[in-house]
PDB file of N, CA and C in Angstrom:
ATOM      1  N   MET A   1      -5.454   4.908  23.922  1.00  0.00           N
ATOM      2  CA  MET A   1      -4.023   5.016  24.116  1.00  0.00           C
ATOM      3  C   MET A   1      -3.401   5.433  22.787  1.00  0.00           C
ATOM      4  N   ILE A   2      -2.600   6.476  22.828  1.00  0.00           N
ATOM      5  CA  ILE A   2      -1.885   6.934  21.640  1.00  0.00           C
ATOM      6  C   ILE A   2      -0.531   6.233  21.593  1.00  0.00           C
ATOM      7  N   LEU A   3      -0.185   5.660  20.438  1.00  0.00           N
ATOM      8  CA  LEU A   3       1.109   5.015  20.232  1.00  0.00           C
ATOM      9  C   LEU A   3       1.808   5.727  19.086  1.00  0.00           C
ATOM     10  N   VAL A   4       3.036   6.184  19.314  1.00  0.00           N
ATOM     11  CA  VAL A   4       3.816   6.825  18.256  1.00  0.00           C
ATOM     12  C   VAL A   4       5.247   6.315  18.312  1.00  0.00           C
ATOM     13  N   ASN A   5       5.929   6.382  17.167  1.00  0.00           N
ATOM     14  CA  ASN A   5       7.332   5.956  17.150  1.00  0.00           C
ATOM     15  C   ASN A   5       8.278   7.149  17.187  1.00  0.00           C
ATOM     16  N   THR A   6       7.761   8.317  17.550  1.00  0.00           N
ATOM     17  CA  THR A   6       8.584   9.510  17.753  1.00  0.00           C
ATOM     18  C   THR A   6       8.719   9.750  19.250  1.00  0.00           C
ATOM     19  N   ASP A   7       9.611  10.655  19.631  1.00  0.00           N
ATOM     20  CA  ASP A   7       9.782  10.935  21.062  1.00  0.00           C
ATOM     21  C   ASP A   7       8.943  12.122  21.525  1.00  0.00           C
ATOM     22  N   TYR A   8       7.990  12.546  20.721  1.00  0.00           N
ATOM     23  CA  TYR A   8       7.114  13.665  21.063  1.00  0.00           C
ATOM     24  C   TYR A   8       5.737  13.448  20.442  1.00  0.00           C
ATOM     25  N   ILE A   9       4.766  14.194  20.935  1.00  0.00           N
ATOM     26  CA  ILE A   9       3.436  14.267  20.334  1.00  0.00           C
ATOM     27  C   ILE A   9       3.160  15.744  20.147  1.00  0.00           C
ATOM     28  N   THR A  10       2.996  16.169  18.924  1.00  0.00           N
ATOM     29  CA  THR A  10       2.830  17.581  18.602  1.00  0.00           C
ATOM     30  C   THR A  10       1.730  18.208  19.451  1.00  0.00           C
ATOM     31  N   GLY A  11       2.066  19.335  20.076  1.00  0.00           N
ATOM     32  CA  GLY A  11       1.097  20.090  20.865  1.00  0.00           C
ATOM     33  C   GLY A  11       0.899  19.589  22.279  1.00  0.00           C
ATOM     34  N   LYS A  12       1.644  18.578  22.701  1.00  0.00           N
ATOM     35  CA  LYS A  12       1.489  18.021  24.048  1.00  0.00           C
ATOM     36  C   LYS A  12       2.793  18.137  24.824  1.00  0.00           C
ATOM     37  N   ASN A  13       2.680  18.531  26.084  1.00  0.00           N
ATOM     38  CA  ASN A  13       3.806  18.462  27.004  1.00  0.00           C
ATOM     39  C   ASN A  13       3.720  17.113  27.704  1.00  0.00           C
ATOM     40  N   LEU A  14       4.823  16.400  27.720  1.00  0.00           N
ATOM     41  CA  LEU A  14       4.806  15.025  28.216  1.00  0.00           C
ATOM     42  C   LEU A  14       5.563  14.873  29.519  1.00  0.00           C
ATOM     43  N   GLU A  15       4.964  14.133  30.422  1.00  0.00           N
ATOM     44  CA  GLU A  15       5.625  13.722  31.665  1.00  0.00           C
ATOM     45  C   GLU A  15       5.955  12.243  31.499  1.00  0.00           C
ATOM     46  N   MET A  16       7.236  11.907  31.512  1.00  0.00           N
ATOM     47  CA  MET A  16       7.645  10.521  31.294  1.00  0.00           C
ATOM     48  C   MET A  16       7.415   9.689  32.548  1.00  0.00           C
ATOM     49  N   LEU A  17       6.820   8.528  32.338  1.00  0.00           N
ATOM     50  CA  LEU A  17       6.522   7.627  33.444  1.00  0.00           C
ATOM     51  C   LEU A  17       7.474   6.439  33.505  1.00  0.00           C
ATOM     52  N   GLY A  18       8.040   6.067  32.380  1.00  0.00           N
ATOM     53  CA  GLY A  18       8.991   4.965  32.382  1.00  0.00           C
ATOM     54  C   GLY A  18       8.804   4.006  31.221  1.00  0.00           C
ATOM     55  N   LEU A  19       9.726   3.070  31.149  1.00  0.00           N
ATOM     56  CA  LEU A  19       9.732   2.065  30.099  1.00  0.00           C
ATOM     57  C   LEU A  19       8.584   1.087  30.311  1.00  0.00           C
ATOM     58  N   VAL A  20       7.891   0.761  29.221  1.00  0.00           N
ATOM     59  CA  VAL A  20       6.868  -0.284  29.245  1.00  0.00           C
ATOM     60  C   VAL A  20       7.167  -1.262  28.117  1.00  0.00           C
ATOM     61  N   LYS A  21       6.791  -2.503  28.333  1.00  0.00           N
ATOM     62  CA  LYS A  21       7.062  -3.508  27.314  1.00  0.00           C
ATOM     63  C   LYS A  21       6.030  -4.607  27.386  1.00  0.00           C
ATOM     64  N   GLY A  22       5.936  -5.328  26.306  1.00  0.00           N
ATOM     65  CA  GLY A  22       5.085  -6.505  26.239  1.00  0.00           C
ATOM     66  C   GLY A  22       5.770  -7.505  25.337  1.00  0.00           C
ATOM     67  N   ALA A  23       5.630  -8.773  25.667  1.00  0.00           N
ATOM     68  CA  ALA A  23       6.323  -9.791  24.875  1.00  0.00           C
ATOM     69  C   ALA A  23       5.465 -11.042  24.765  1.00  0.00           C
ATOM     70  N   THR A  24       5.764 -11.815  23.754  1.00  0.00           N
ATOM     71  CA  THR A  24       5.163 -13.137  23.594  1.00  0.00           C
ATOM     72  C   THR A  24       6.161 -14.019  22.861  1.00  0.00           C
ATOM     73  N   ILE A  25       6.052 -15.287  23.088  1.00  0.00           N
ATOM     74  CA  ILE A  25       6.871 -16.260  22.374  1.00  0.00           C
ATOM     75  C   ILE A  25       5.918 -17.167  21.612  1.00  0.00           C
ATOM     76  N   GLN A  26       6.132 -17.262  20.325  1.00  0.00           N
ATOM     77  CA  GLN A  26       5.288 -18.080  19.462  1.00  0.00           C
ATOM     78  C   GLN A  26       6.119 -19.243  18.923  1.00  0.00           C
ATOM     79  N   SER A  27       5.494 -20.392  18.861  1.00  0.00           N
ATOM     80  CA  SER A  27       6.177 -21.548  18.263  1.00  0.00           C
ATOM     81  C   SER A  27       5.532 -21.863  16.931  1.00  0.00           C
ATOM     82  N   LYS A  28       6.288 -22.495  16.083  1.00  0.00           N
ATOM     83  CA  LYS A  28       5.796 -22.898  14.768  1.00  0.00           C
ATOM     84  C   LYS A  28       4.858 -24.083  14.906  1.00  0.00           C
ATOM     85  N   HIS A  29       3.781 -24.038  14.182  1.00  0.00           N
ATOM     86  CA  HIS A  29       2.845 -25.157  14.081  1.00  0.00           C
ATOM     87  C   HIS A  29       3.438 -26.135  13.068  1.00  0.00           C
ATOM     88  N   ILE A  30       3.464 -27.407  13.373  1.00  0.00           N
ATOM     89  CA  ILE A  30       4.119 -28.383  12.504  1.00  0.00           C
ATOM     90  C   ILE A  30       3.547 -28.352  11.085  1.00  0.00           C
ATOM     91  N   GLY A  31       2.240 -28.146  10.955  1.00  0.00           N
ATOM     92  CA  GLY A  31       1.636 -28.061   9.621  1.00  0.00           C
ATOM     93  C   GLY A  31       2.145 -26.856   8.858  1.00  0.00           C
ATOM     94  N   LYS A  32       2.240 -25.710   9.549  1.00  0.00           N
ATOM     95  CA  LYS A  32       2.759 -24.502   8.902  1.00  0.00           C
ATOM     96  C   LYS A  32       4.221 -24.684   8.534  1.00  0.00           C
ATOM     97  N   ASP A  33       4.953 -25.378   9.401  1.00  0.00           N
ATOM     98  CA  ASP A  33       6.378 -25.582   9.165  1.00  0.00           C
ATOM     99  C   ASP A  33       6.603 -26.445   7.920  1.00  0.00           C
ATOM    100  N   ILE A  34       5.813 -27.478   7.757  1.00  0.00           N
ATOM    101  CA  ILE A  34       5.941 -28.349   6.579  1.00  0.00           C
ATOM    102  C   ILE A  34       5.571 -27.566   5.323  1.00  0.00           C
ATOM    103  N   GLY A  35       4.450 -26.822   5.399  1.00  0.00           N
ATOM    104  CA  GLY A  35       4.023 -26.004   4.257  1.00  0.00           C
ATOM    105  C   GLY A  35       5.063 -24.962   3.886  1.00  0.00           C
ATOM    106  N   ALA A  36       5.685 -24.354   4.901  1.00  0.00           N
ATOM    107  CA  ALA A  36       6.720 -23.350   4.647  1.00  0.00           C
ATOM    108  C   ALA A  36       7.938 -23.992   3.994  1.00  0.00           C
ATOM    109  N   GLY A  37       8.247 -25.216   4.389  1.00  0.00           N
ATOM    110  CA  GLY A  37       9.369 -25.916   3.775  1.00  0.00           C
ATOM    111  C   GLY A  37       9.158 -26.123   2.288  1.00  0.00           C
ATOM    112  N   PHE A  38       7.950 -26.495   1.913  1.00  0.00           N
ATOM    113  CA  PHE A  38       7.638 -26.645   0.484  1.00  0.00           C
ATOM    114  C   PHE A  38       7.689 -25.308  -0.235  1.00  0.00           C
ATOM    115  N   LYS A  39       7.199 -24.256   0.420  1.00  0.00           N
ATOM    116  CA  LYS A  39       7.149 -22.929  -0.199  1.00  0.00           C
ATOM    117  C   LYS A  39       8.569 -22.410  -0.483  1.00  0.00           C
ATOM    118  N   THR A  40       9.524 -22.769   0.353  1.00  0.00           N
ATOM    119  CA  THR A  40      10.894 -22.293   0.125  1.00  0.00           C
ATOM    120  C   THR A  40      11.489 -22.869  -1.153  1.00  0.00           C
ATOM    121  N   LEU A  41      10.920 -23.962  -1.625  1.00  0.00           N
ATOM    122  CA  LEU A  41      11.416 -24.554  -2.866  1.00  0.00           C
ATOM    123  C   LEU A  41      11.047 -23.709  -4.085  1.00  0.00           C
ATOM    124  N   VAL A  42       9.888 -23.046  -4.035  1.00  0.00           N
ATOM    125  CA  VAL A  42       9.424 -22.270  -5.183  1.00  0.00           C
ATOM    126  C   VAL A  42       9.487 -20.759  -4.941  1.00  0.00           C
ATOM    127  N   GLY A  43       9.661 -20.354  -3.700  1.00  0.00           N
ATOM    128  CA  GLY A  43       9.743 -18.932  -3.378  1.00  0.00           C
ATOM    129  C   GLY A  43       8.380 -18.331  -3.103  1.00  0.00           C
ATOM    130  N   GLY A  44       8.372 -17.142  -2.542  1.00  0.00           N
ATOM    131  CA  GLY A  44       7.137 -16.437  -2.240  1.00  0.00           C
ATOM    132  C   GLY A  44       6.942 -16.240  -0.758  1.00  0.00           C
ATOM    133  N   GLU A  45       5.865 -15.553  -0.443  1.00  0.00           N
ATOM    134  CA  GLU A  45       5.561 -15.225   0.956  1.00  0.00           C
ATOM    135  C   GLU A  45       5.137 -16.466   1.722  1.00  0.00           C
ATOM    136  N   LEU A  46       5.607 -16.573   2.945  1.00  0.00           N
ATOM    137  CA  LEU A  46       5.205 -17.647   3.848  1.00  0.00           C
ATOM    138  C   LEU A  46       4.050 -17.110   4.693  1.00  0.00           C
ATOM    139  N   LYS A  47       2.842 -17.183   4.146  1.00  0.00           N
ATOM    140  CA  LYS A  47       1.676 -16.527   4.745  1.00  0.00           C
ATOM    141  C   LYS A  47       1.378 -17.018   6.151  1.00  0.00           C
ATOM    142  N   GLY A  48       1.590 -18.291   6.413  1.00  0.00           N
ATOM    143  CA  GLY A  48       1.361 -18.814   7.761  1.00  0.00           C
ATOM    144  C   GLY A  48       2.252 -18.121   8.782  1.00  0.00           C
ATOM    145  N   TYR A  49       3.513 -17.887   8.413  1.00  0.00           N
ATOM    146  CA  TYR A  49       4.439 -17.210   9.316  1.00  0.00           C
ATOM    147  C   TYR A  49       4.111 -15.725   9.425  1.00  0.00           C
ATOM    148  N   THR A  50       3.680 -15.125   8.321  1.00  0.00           N
ATOM    149  CA  THR A  50       3.282 -13.717   8.363  1.00  0.00           C
ATOM    150  C   THR A  50       2.129 -13.539   9.342  1.00  0.00           C
ATOM    151  N   GLU A  51       1.144 -14.404   9.254  1.00  0.00           N
ATOM    152  CA  GLU A  51       0.005 -14.346  10.169  1.00  0.00           C
ATOM    153  C   GLU A  51       0.447 -14.558  11.610  1.00  0.00           C
ATOM    154  N   MET A  52       1.345 -15.515  11.830  1.00  0.00           N
ATOM    155  CA  MET A  52       1.831 -15.787  13.171  1.00  0.00           C
ATOM    156  C   MET A  52       2.549 -14.576  13.747  1.00  0.00           C
ATOM    157  N   MET A  53       3.391 -13.923  12.949  1.00  0.00           N
ATOM    158  CA  MET A  53       4.130 -12.764  13.445  1.00  0.00           C
ATOM    159  C   MET A  53       3.213 -11.565  13.660  1.00  0.00           C
ATOM    160  N   ASN A  54       2.208 -11.386  12.802  1.00  0.00           N
ATOM    161  CA  ASN A  54       1.232 -10.310  13.014  1.00  0.00           C
ATOM    162  C   ASN A  54       0.480 -10.516  14.320  1.00  0.00           C
ATOM    163  N   GLU A  55       0.083 -11.751  14.590  1.00  0.00           N
ATOM    164  CA  GLU A  55      -0.600 -12.056  15.843  1.00  0.00           C
ATOM    165  C   GLU A  55       0.324 -11.812  17.036  1.00  0.00           C
ATOM    166  N   ALA A  56       1.581 -12.214  16.911  1.00  0.00           N
ATOM    167  CA  ALA A  56       2.541 -12.015  17.992  1.00  0.00           C
ATOM    168  C   ALA A  56       2.756 -10.529  18.275  1.00  0.00           C
ATOM    169  N   ARG A  57       2.876  -9.709  17.217  1.00  0.00           N
ATOM    170  CA  ARG A  57       3.033  -8.263  17.423  1.00  0.00           C
ATOM    171  C   ARG A  57       1.812  -7.671  18.102  1.00  0.00           C
ATOM    172  N   SER A  58       0.635  -8.139  17.717  1.00  0.00           N
ATOM    173  CA  SER A  58      -0.607  -7.651  18.324  1.00  0.00           C
ATOM    174  C   SER A  58      -0.667  -7.992  19.814  1.00  0.00           C
ATOM    175  N   ILE A  59      -0.315  -9.202  20.163  1.00  0.00           N
ATOM    176  CA  ILE A  59      -0.303  -9.623  21.568  1.00  0.00           C
ATOM    177  C   ILE A  59       0.713  -8.803  22.356  1.00  0.00           C
ATOM    178  N   ALA A  60       1.925  -8.664  21.823  1.00  0.00           N
ATOM    179  CA  ALA A  60       2.972  -7.908  22.514  1.00  0.00           C
ATOM    180  C   ALA A  60       2.563  -6.444  22.692  1.00  0.00           C
ATOM    181  N   THR A  61       1.950  -5.859  21.667  1.00  0.00           N
ATOM    182  CA  THR A  61       1.504  -4.471  21.749  1.00  0.00           C
ATOM    183  C   THR A  61       0.440  -4.309  22.831  1.00  0.00           C
ATOM    184  N   GLN A  62      -0.522  -5.216  22.876  1.00  0.00           N
ATOM    185  CA  GLN A  62      -1.577  -5.108  23.890  1.00  0.00           C
ATOM    186  C   GLN A  62      -1.004  -5.245  25.291  1.00  0.00           C
ATOM    187  N   ARG A  63      -0.038  -6.106  25.480  1.00  0.00           N
ATOM    188  CA  ARG A  63       0.594  -6.267  26.801  1.00  0.00           C
ATOM    189  C   ARG A  63       1.351  -5.003  27.196  1.00  0.00           C
ATOM    190  N   MET A  64       1.994  -4.356  26.219  1.00  0.00           N
ATOM    191  CA  MET A  64       2.677  -3.091  26.478  1.00  0.00           C
ATOM    192  C   MET A  64       1.659  -2.020  26.884  1.00  0.00           C
ATOM    193  N   ILE A  65       0.548  -1.945  26.160  1.00  0.00           N
ATOM    194  CA  ILE A  65      -0.509  -0.974  26.473  1.00  0.00           C
ATOM    195  C   ILE A  65      -1.063  -1.228  27.875  1.00  0.00           C
ATOM    196  N   ASP A  66      -1.301  -2.481  28.211  1.00  0.00           N
ATOM    197  CA  ASP A  66      -1.819  -2.819  29.540  1.00  0.00           C
ATOM    198  C   ASP A  66      -0.877  -2.333  30.638  1.00  0.00           C
ATOM    199  N   GLU A  67       0.423  -2.513  30.430  1.00  0.00           N
ATOM    200  CA  GLU A  67       1.410  -2.060  31.423  1.00  0.00           C
ATOM    201  C   GLU A  67       1.379  -0.535  31.539  1.00  0.00           C
ATOM    202  N   ALA A  68       1.271   0.157  30.399  1.00  0.00           N
ATOM    203  CA  ALA A  68       1.224   1.621  30.413  1.00  0.00           C
ATOM    204  C   ALA A  68      -0.037   2.126  31.109  1.00  0.00           C
ATOM    205  N   GLN A  69      -1.165   1.491  30.854  1.00  0.00           N
ATOM    206  CA  GLN A  69      -2.406   1.888  31.517  1.00  0.00           C
ATOM    207  C   GLN A  69      -2.308   1.703  33.022  1.00  0.00           C
ATOM    208  N   GLY A  70      -1.589   0.679  33.463  1.00  0.00           N
ATOM    209  CA  GLY A  70      -1.365   0.462  34.886  1.00  0.00           C
ATOM    210  C   GLY A  70      -0.589   1.590  35.539  1.00  0.00           C
ATOM    211  N   LEU A  71       0.204   2.300  34.737  1.00  0.00           N
ATOM    212  CA  LEU A  71       0.966   3.455  35.237  1.00  0.00           C
ATOM    213  C   LEU A  71       0.181   4.760  35.117  1.00  0.00           C
ATOM    214  N   GLY A  72      -1.009   4.688  34.518  1.00  0.00           N
ATOM    215  CA  GLY A  72      -1.805   5.889  34.313  1.00  0.00           C
ATOM    216  C   GLY A  72      -1.380   6.694  33.098  1.00  0.00           C
ATOM    217  N   ALA A  73      -0.785   6.052  32.115  1.00  0.00           N
ATOM    218  CA  ALA A  73      -0.277   6.739  30.926  1.00  0.00           C
ATOM    219  C   ALA A  73      -1.402   7.134  29.978  1.00  0.00           C
ATOM    220  N   ASP A  74      -1.162   8.218  29.257  1.00  0.00           N
ATOM    221  CA  ASP A  74      -2.060   8.661  28.193  1.00  0.00           C
ATOM    222  C   ASP A  74      -1.567   8.197  26.827  1.00  0.00           C
ATOM    223  N   ALA A  75      -0.268   7.915  26.731  1.00  0.00           N
ATOM    224  CA  ALA A  75       0.334   7.556  25.443  1.00  0.00           C
ATOM    225  C   ALA A  75       1.629   6.789  25.677  1.00  0.00           C
ATOM    226  N   ILE A  76       2.120   6.194  24.593  1.00  0.00           N
ATOM    227  CA  ILE A  76       3.440   5.562  24.602  1.00  0.00           C
ATOM    228  C   ILE A  76       4.203   6.135  23.421  1.00  0.00           C
ATOM    229  N   VAL A  77       5.379   6.699  23.707  1.00  0.00           N
ATOM    230  CA  VAL A  77       6.214   7.267  22.653  1.00  0.00           C
ATOM    231  C   VAL A  77       7.420   6.361  22.420  1.00  0.00           C
ATOM    232  N   ASN A  78       8.086   6.582  21.286  1.00  0.00           N
ATOM    233  CA  ASN A  78       9.267   5.779  20.914  1.00  0.00           C
ATOM    234  C   ASN A  78       8.959   4.287  20.873  1.00  0.00           C
ATOM    235  N   VAL A  79       7.795   3.930  20.341  1.00  0.00           N
ATOM    236  CA  VAL A  79       7.405   2.524  20.268  1.00  0.00           C
ATOM    237  C   VAL A  79       8.308   1.795  19.270  1.00  0.00           C
ATOM    238  N   ARG A  80       8.809   0.660  19.695  1.00  0.00           N
ATOM    239  CA  ARG A  80       9.688  -0.161  18.864  1.00  0.00           C
ATOM    240  C   ARG A  80       9.282  -1.621  19.003  1.00  0.00           C
ATOM    241  N   PHE A  81       9.648  -2.416  18.007  1.00  0.00           N
ATOM    242  CA  PHE A  81       9.423  -3.853  18.014  1.00  0.00           C
ATOM    243  C   PHE A  81      10.763  -4.545  17.773  1.00  0.00           C
ATOM    244  N   ALA A  82      10.919  -5.707  18.374  1.00  0.00           N
ATOM    245  CA  ALA A  82      12.105  -6.532  18.129  1.00  0.00           C
ATOM    246  C   ALA A  82      11.671  -7.986  18.157  1.00  0.00           C
ATOM    247  N   SER A  83      12.428  -8.810  17.479  1.00  0.00           N
ATOM    248  CA  SER A  83      12.155 -10.246  17.520  1.00  0.00           C
ATOM    249  C   SER A  83      13.467 -10.994  17.556  1.00  0.00           C
ATOM    250  N   SER A  84      13.401 -12.187  18.114  1.00  0.00           N
ATOM    251  CA  SER A  84      14.604 -13.015  18.165  1.00  0.00           C
ATOM    252  C   SER A  84      14.195 -14.474  18.278  1.00  0.00           C
ATOM    253  N   ALA A  85      15.081 -15.337  17.825  1.00  0.00           N
ATOM    254  CA  ALA A  85      14.855 -16.778  17.952  1.00  0.00           C
ATOM    255  C   ALA A  85      15.193 -17.177  19.385  1.00  0.00           C
ATOM    256  N   ILE A  86      14.306 -17.888  20.009  1.00  0.00           N
ATOM    257  CA  ILE A  86      14.513 -18.346  21.378  1.00  0.00           C
ATOM    258  C   ILE A  86      15.135 -19.739  21.379  1.00  0.00           C
ATOM    259  N   MET A  87      14.612 -20.573  20.498  1.00  0.00           N
ATOM    260  CA  MET A  87      15.095 -21.937  20.344  1.00  0.00           C
ATOM    261  C   MET A  87      14.631 -22.410  18.975  1.00  0.00           C
ATOM    262  N   GLN A  88      15.035 -23.580  18.584  1.00  0.00           N
ATOM    263  CA  GLN A  88      14.595 -24.129  17.303  1.00  0.00           C
ATOM    264  C   GLN A  88      13.078 -24.145  17.248  1.00  0.00           C
ATOM    265  N   GLY A  89      12.507 -23.406  16.321  1.00  0.00           N
ATOM    266  CA  GLY A  89      11.067 -23.428  16.127  1.00  0.00           C
ATOM    267  C   GLY A  89      10.270 -22.454  16.968  1.00  0.00           C
ATOM    268  N   ALA A  90      10.921 -21.533  17.692  1.00  0.00           N
ATOM    269  CA  ALA A  90      10.188 -20.568  18.510  1.00  0.00           C
ATOM    270  C   ALA A  90      10.855 -19.200  18.414  1.00  0.00           C
ATOM    271  N   ALA A  91      10.026 -18.155  18.387  1.00  0.00           N
ATOM    272  CA  ALA A  91      10.537 -16.790  18.288  1.00  0.00           C
ATOM    273  C   ALA A  91       9.825 -15.906  19.300  1.00  0.00           C
ATOM    274  N   GLU A  92      10.558 -14.933  19.831  1.00  0.00           N
ATOM    275  CA  GLU A  92       9.999 -13.939  20.743  1.00  0.00           C
ATOM    276  C   GLU A  92       9.772 -12.650  19.973  1.00  0.00           C
ATOM    277  N   VAL A  93       8.652 -12.003  20.251  1.00  0.00           N
ATOM    278  CA  VAL A  93       8.388 -10.665  19.744  1.00  0.00           C
ATOM    279  C   VAL A  93       8.189  -9.779  20.962  1.00  0.00           C
ATOM    280  N   ILE A  94       8.864  -8.643  20.985  1.00  0.00           N
ATOM    281  CA  ILE A  94       8.724  -7.697  22.080  1.00  0.00           C
ATOM    282  C   ILE A  94       8.377  -6.330  21.520  1.00  0.00           C
ATOM    283  N   ALA A  95       7.451  -5.656  22.178  1.00  0.00           N
ATOM    284  CA  ALA A  95       7.099  -4.271  21.869  1.00  0.00           C
ATOM    285  C   ALA A  95       7.500  -3.458  23.093  1.00  0.00           C
ATOM    286  N   TYR A  96       8.138  -2.313  22.871  1.00  0.00           N
ATOM    287  CA  TYR A  96       8.541  -1.497  24.015  1.00  0.00           C
ATOM    288  C   TYR A  96       8.511  -0.021  23.646  1.00  0.00           C
ATOM    289  N   GLY A  97       8.419   0.810  24.660  1.00  0.00           N
ATOM    290  CA  GLY A  97       8.382   2.244  24.462  1.00  0.00           C
ATOM    291  C   GLY A  97       8.386   2.952  25.812  1.00  0.00           C
ATOM    292  N   THR A  98       8.174   4.261  25.777  1.00  0.00           N
ATOM    293  CA  THR A  98       8.156   5.074  26.992  1.00  0.00           C
ATOM    294  C   THR A  98       6.739   5.527  27.270  1.00  0.00           C
ATOM    295  N   ALA A  99       6.220   5.155  28.426  1.00  0.00           N
ATOM    296  CA  ALA A  99       4.891   5.580  28.833  1.00  0.00           C
ATOM    297  C   ALA A  99       4.946   7.043  29.265  1.00  0.00           C
ATOM    298  N   VAL A 100       3.965   7.828  28.824  1.00  0.00           N
ATOM    299  CA  VAL A 100       3.927   9.252  29.171  1.00  0.00           C
ATOM    300  C   VAL A 100       2.509   9.644  29.580  1.00  0.00           C
ATOM    301  N   ARG A 101       2.467  10.705  30.367  1.00  0.00           N
ATOM    302  CA  ARG A 101       1.203  11.329  30.760  1.00  0.00           C
ATOM    303  C   ARG A 101       1.233  12.735  30.213  1.00  0.00           C
ATOM    304  N   PHE A 102       0.088  13.235  29.768  1.00  0.00           N
ATOM    305  CA  PHE A 102       0.021  14.614  29.284  1.00  0.00           C
ATOM    306  C   PHE A 102       0.079  15.550  30.478  1.00  0.00           C
ATOM    307  N   ALA A 103       0.996  16.518  30.404  1.00  0.00           N
ATOM    308  CA  ALA A 103       1.181  17.477  31.513  1.00  0.00           C
ATOM    309  C   ALA A 103       0.161  18.599  31.398  1.00  0.00           C
TER     310      ALA A 103
END
């Protein structure tokens, strides 16, 4: 599956199939949350949260790809990511784009 953040793929004529998306909601692990609280006192990267968000993006991306494959897509164009707080201690990550077939 080809994923691009542009609305075209050079040299390909595209037939648009529709919007596809994948999402996941991740909650903070209490141990990571305590460690992150200490880290905010001295500054620096919150590696536990970075890892959590990388995993969440990976899960959301795979779910988006699965939906596109169900439509018979060859690629997804205009791929975007968004995140938002759902509740105290939990965040949603969504990946979305337009599924296309090569014409």
